[in-house]
């Protein structure tokens, strides 16, 4: 007969303190799912444009609403975030950037890149009259 001892799950939040790497890792997974959902929306939009002349205006109207624009904004941010963080991971795969200072700096660089490129893209789209 064995005696069971309660053991903490790994990683135990009482032991590890929250860091930027935790957040970026979780966000990488979430944005990956968001990108897949966005690609499904893009595929529906393209099918509507090609074969559903009655449905396409409804898609356009839906994407032009505040909710639609927020979805597109989120998809844009997810794209840039996933791109930058993927390049960060590629750098790690080559054996570079593992020092604690480098990991933290590259994490904040990913965040800065995401914010700046999302703002640039949406500003450019607004100036071009696409929004």
C-alpha atoms as a PDB file:
ATOM      1  CA  UNK A   1       0.000   0.000   0.000  1.00  0.00           C
ATOM      2  CA  UNK A   2       1.473   3.360  -1.009  1.00  0.00           C
ATOM      3  CA  UNK A   3       1.053   6.609   0.750  1.00  0.00           C
ATOM      4  CA  UNK A   4       0.262   9.487  -1.568  1.00  0.00           C
ATOM      5  CA  UNK A   5       1.940  12.794  -0.938  1.00  0.00           C
ATOM      6  CA  UNK A   6       0.454  15.919  -2.501  1.00  0.00           C
ATOM      7  CA  UNK A   7       2.931  17.212  -5.014  1.00  0.00           C
ATOM      8  CA  UNK A   8       2.841  20.558  -6.805  1.00  0.00           C
ATOM      9  CA  UNK A   9       2.220  20.674 -10.500  1.00  0.00           C
ATOM     10  CA  UNK A  10       5.094  21.829 -12.633  1.00  0.00           C
ATOM     11  CA  UNK A  11       5.653  24.712 -13.088  1.00  0.00           C
ATOM     12  CA  UNK A  12       4.447  25.639  -9.648  1.00  0.00           C
ATOM     13  CA  UNK A  13       3.355  29.276  -9.575  1.00  0.00           C
ATOM     14  CA  UNK A  14       4.329  29.524  -5.924  1.00  0.00           C
ATOM     15  CA  UNK A  15       7.932  28.836  -6.854  1.00  0.00           C
ATOM     16  CA  UNK A  16       8.405  30.610 -10.175  1.00  0.00           C
ATOM     17  CA  UNK A  17       7.890  34.326 -10.461  1.00  0.00           C
ATOM     18  CA  UNK A  18       6.177  35.783 -13.484  1.00  0.00           C
ATOM     19  CA  UNK A  19       8.574  36.963 -16.218  1.00  0.00           C
ATOM     20  CA  UNK A  20       8.272  38.397 -19.685  1.00  0.00           C
ATOM     21  CA  UNK A  21       9.250  35.008 -21.125  1.00  0.00           C
ATOM     22  CA  UNK A  22       6.184  33.369 -19.534  1.00  0.00           C
ATOM     23  CA  UNK A  23       3.895  35.981 -21.023  1.00  0.00           C
ATOM     24  CA  UNK A  24       5.464  35.863 -24.474  1.00  0.00           C
ATOM     25  CA  UNK A  25       5.318  32.083 -24.557  1.00  0.00           C
ATOM     26  CA  UNK A  26       1.614  32.053 -23.726  1.00  0.00           C
ATOM     27  CA  UNK A  27       0.928  34.875 -26.195  1.00  0.00           C
ATOM     28  CA  UNK A  28       2.781  32.987 -28.930  1.00  0.00           C
ATOM     29  CA  UNK A  29       0.371  30.080 -28.577  1.00  0.00           C
ATOM     30  CA  UNK A  30      -2.691  32.338 -28.382  1.00  0.00           C
ATOM     31  CA  UNK A  31      -1.672  34.352 -31.438  1.00  0.00           C
ATOM     32  CA  UNK A  32      -1.051  31.126 -33.365  1.00  0.00           C
ATOM     33  CA  UNK A  33      -4.658  30.108 -32.742  1.00  0.00           C
ATOM     34  CA  UNK A  34      -5.819  33.627 -33.610  1.00  0.00           C
ATOM     35  CA  UNK A  35      -3.932  33.534 -36.890  1.00  0.00           C
ATOM     36  CA  UNK A  36      -5.576  30.248 -37.848  1.00  0.00           C
ATOM     37  CA  UNK A  37      -9.017  31.693 -37.093  1.00  0.00           C
ATOM     38  CA  UNK A  38      -8.118  34.798 -39.093  1.00  0.00           C
ATOM     39  CA  UNK A  39      -7.064  32.688 -42.067  1.00  0.00           C
ATOM     40  CA  UNK A  40     -10.436  30.936 -41.929  1.00  0.00           C
ATOM     41  CA  UNK A  41     -12.129  34.352 -42.012  1.00  0.00           C
ATOM     42  CA  UNK A  42      -9.884  35.375 -44.913  1.00  0.00           C
ATOM     43  CA  UNK A  43     -10.794  32.205 -46.809  1.00  0.00           C
ATOM     44  CA  UNK A  44     -14.514  32.845 -46.288  1.00  0.00           C
ATOM     45  CA  UNK A  45     -14.032  36.431 -47.478  1.00  0.00           C
ATOM     46  CA  UNK A  46     -12.179  35.245 -50.609  1.00  0.00           C
ATOM     47  CA  UNK A  47     -14.821  32.616 -51.396  1.00  0.00           C
ATOM     48  CA  UNK A  48     -17.508  35.262 -50.957  1.00  0.00           C
ATOM     49  CA  UNK A  49     -15.618  37.593 -53.301  1.00  0.00           C
ATOM     50  CA  UNK A  50     -15.212  34.909 -55.956  1.00  0.00           C
ATOM     51  CA  UNK A  51     -18.493  32.990 -55.882  1.00  0.00           C
ATOM     52  CA  UNK A  52     -21.067  34.632 -53.629  1.00  0.00           C
ATOM     53  CA  UNK A  53     -21.945  38.087 -54.963  1.00  0.00           C
ATOM     54  CA  UNK A  54     -24.847  38.337 -52.510  1.00  0.00           C
ATOM     55  CA  UNK A  55     -22.774  37.377 -49.465  1.00  0.00           C
ATOM     56  CA  UNK A  56     -19.691  39.483 -50.223  1.00  0.00           C
ATOM     57  CA  UNK A  57     -21.303  42.866 -49.405  1.00  0.00           C
ATOM     58  CA  UNK A  58     -22.477  41.436 -46.083  1.00  0.00           C
ATOM     59  CA  UNK A  59     -18.909  40.317 -45.344  1.00  0.00           C
ATOM     60  CA  UNK A  60     -17.601  43.763 -46.251  1.00  0.00           C
ATOM     61  CA  UNK A  61     -20.206  45.452 -44.072  1.00  0.00           C
ATOM     62  CA  UNK A  62     -19.434  43.113 -41.169  1.00  0.00           C
ATOM     63  CA  UNK A  63     -15.693  43.745 -41.387  1.00  0.00           C
ATOM     64  CA  UNK A  64     -16.366  47.481 -41.593  1.00  0.00           C
ATOM     65  CA  UNK A  65     -18.087  47.578 -38.208  1.00  0.00           C
ATOM     66  CA  UNK A  66     -16.258  48.392 -34.992  1.00  0.00           C
ATOM     67  CA  UNK A  67     -16.209  44.699 -34.052  1.00  0.00           C
ATOM     68  CA  UNK A  68     -14.930  43.755 -37.511  1.00  0.00           C
ATOM     69  CA  UNK A  69     -12.182  46.361 -37.375  1.00  0.00           C
ATOM     70  CA  UNK A  70     -11.194  45.224 -33.889  1.00  0.00           C
ATOM     71  CA  UNK A  71     -10.929  41.653 -35.188  1.00  0.00           C
ATOM     72  CA  UNK A  72      -8.761  42.833 -38.073  1.00  0.00           C
ATOM     73  CA  UNK A  73      -6.639  44.924 -35.704  1.00  0.00           C
ATOM     74  CA  UNK A  74      -6.150  41.906 -33.457  1.00  0.00           C
ATOM     75  CA  UNK A  75      -5.287  39.744 -36.450  1.00  0.00           C
ATOM     76  CA  UNK A  76      -2.724  42.314 -37.598  1.00  0.00           C
ATOM     77  CA  UNK A  77      -1.140  42.477 -34.145  1.00  0.00           C
ATOM     78  CA  UNK A  78      -1.149  38.665 -33.892  1.00  0.00           C
ATOM     79  CA  UNK A  79       0.592  38.441 -37.266  1.00  0.00           C
ATOM     80  CA  UNK A  80       3.377  40.846 -36.331  1.00  0.00           C
ATOM     81  CA  UNK A  81       3.773  39.354 -32.869  1.00  0.00           C
ATOM     82  CA  UNK A  82       3.934  35.782 -34.138  1.00  0.00           C
ATOM     83  CA  UNK A  83       6.411  36.819 -36.841  1.00  0.00           C
ATOM     84  CA  UNK A  84       8.754  38.621 -34.445  1.00  0.00           C
ATOM     85  CA  UNK A  85       8.562  35.990 -31.730  1.00  0.00           C
ATOM     86  CA  UNK A  86       9.075  33.242 -34.315  1.00  0.00           C
ATOM     87  CA  UNK A  87      12.260  34.974 -35.478  1.00  0.00           C
ATOM     88  CA  UNK A  88      13.310  35.222 -31.836  1.00  0.00           C
ATOM     89  CA  UNK A  89      12.830  31.475 -31.449  1.00  0.00           C
ATOM     90  CA  UNK A  90      14.722  30.869 -34.692  1.00  0.00           C
ATOM     91  CA  UNK A  91      17.620  32.840 -33.226  1.00  0.00           C
ATOM     92  CA  UNK A  92      17.467  30.613 -30.140  1.00  0.00           C
ATOM     93  CA  UNK A  93      17.455  27.528 -32.364  1.00  0.00           C
ATOM     94  CA  UNK A  94      20.797  28.726 -33.716  1.00  0.00           C
ATOM     95  CA  UNK A  95      22.114  28.820 -30.143  1.00  0.00           C
ATOM     96  CA  UNK A  96      22.170  32.602 -29.722  1.00  0.00           C
ATOM     97  CA  UNK A  97      20.527  34.958 -27.258  1.00  0.00           C
ATOM     98  CA  UNK A  98      20.215  32.728 -24.189  1.00  0.00           C
ATOM     99  CA  UNK A  99      21.790  35.112 -21.683  1.00  0.00           C
ATOM    100  CA  UNK A 100      19.156  36.451 -19.294  1.00  0.00           C
ATOM    101  CA  UNK A 101      19.709  40.042 -20.430  1.00  0.00           C
ATOM    102  CA  UNK A 102      19.411  38.981 -24.088  1.00  0.00           C
ATOM    103  CA  UNK A 103      16.211  37.038 -23.455  1.00  0.00           C
ATOM    104  CA  UNK A 104      14.609  39.993 -21.699  1.00  0.00           C
ATOM    105  CA  UNK A 105      15.802  42.515 -24.301  1.00  0.00           C
ATOM    106  CA  UNK A 106      14.625  40.403 -27.227  1.00  0.00           C
ATOM    107  CA  UNK A 107      11.260  39.952 -25.521  1.00  0.00           C
ATOM    108  CA  UNK A 108      10.749  43.691 -25.201  1.00  0.00           C
ATOM    109  CA  UNK A 109      11.972  44.100 -28.777  1.00  0.00           C
ATOM    110  CA  UNK A 110       9.230  41.708 -29.907  1.00  0.00           C
ATOM    111  CA  UNK A 111       6.637  43.789 -28.051  1.00  0.00           C
ATOM    112  CA  UNK A 112       7.977  47.061 -29.501  1.00  0.00           C
ATOM    113  CA  UNK A 113       8.049  45.602 -33.021  1.00  0.00           C
ATOM    114  CA  UNK A 114       4.489  44.340 -32.674  1.00  0.00           C
ATOM    115  CA  UNK A 115       3.107  47.652 -31.472  1.00  0.00           C
ATOM    116  CA  UNK A 116       5.039  49.803 -33.936  1.00  0.00           C
ATOM    117  CA  UNK A 117       4.300  47.670 -37.001  1.00  0.00           C
ATOM    118  CA  UNK A 118       0.618  47.333 -36.107  1.00  0.00           C
ATOM    119  CA  UNK A 119       0.338  51.102 -35.707  1.00  0.00           C
ATOM    120  CA  UNK A 120       2.274  51.669 -38.935  1.00  0.00           C
ATOM    121  CA  UNK A 121       0.068  49.261 -40.891  1.00  0.00           C
ATOM    122  CA  UNK A 122      -3.189  50.720 -39.606  1.00  0.00           C
ATOM    123  CA  UNK A 123      -1.992  54.311 -40.055  1.00  0.00           C
ATOM    124  CA  UNK A 124      -0.965  53.523 -43.625  1.00  0.00           C
ATOM    125  CA  UNK A 125      -4.292  51.815 -44.324  1.00  0.00           C
ATOM    126  CA  UNK A 126      -6.169  54.795 -42.883  1.00  0.00           C
ATOM    127  CA  UNK A 127      -4.141  57.279 -44.940  1.00  0.00           C
ATOM    128  CA  UNK A 128      -4.701  55.193 -48.070  1.00  0.00           C
ATOM    129  CA  UNK A 129      -8.448  55.313 -47.457  1.00  0.00           C
ATOM    130  CA  UNK A 130      -8.827  51.608 -46.795  1.00  0.00           C
ATOM    131  CA  UNK A 131     -10.402  52.176 -43.365  1.00  0.00           C
END
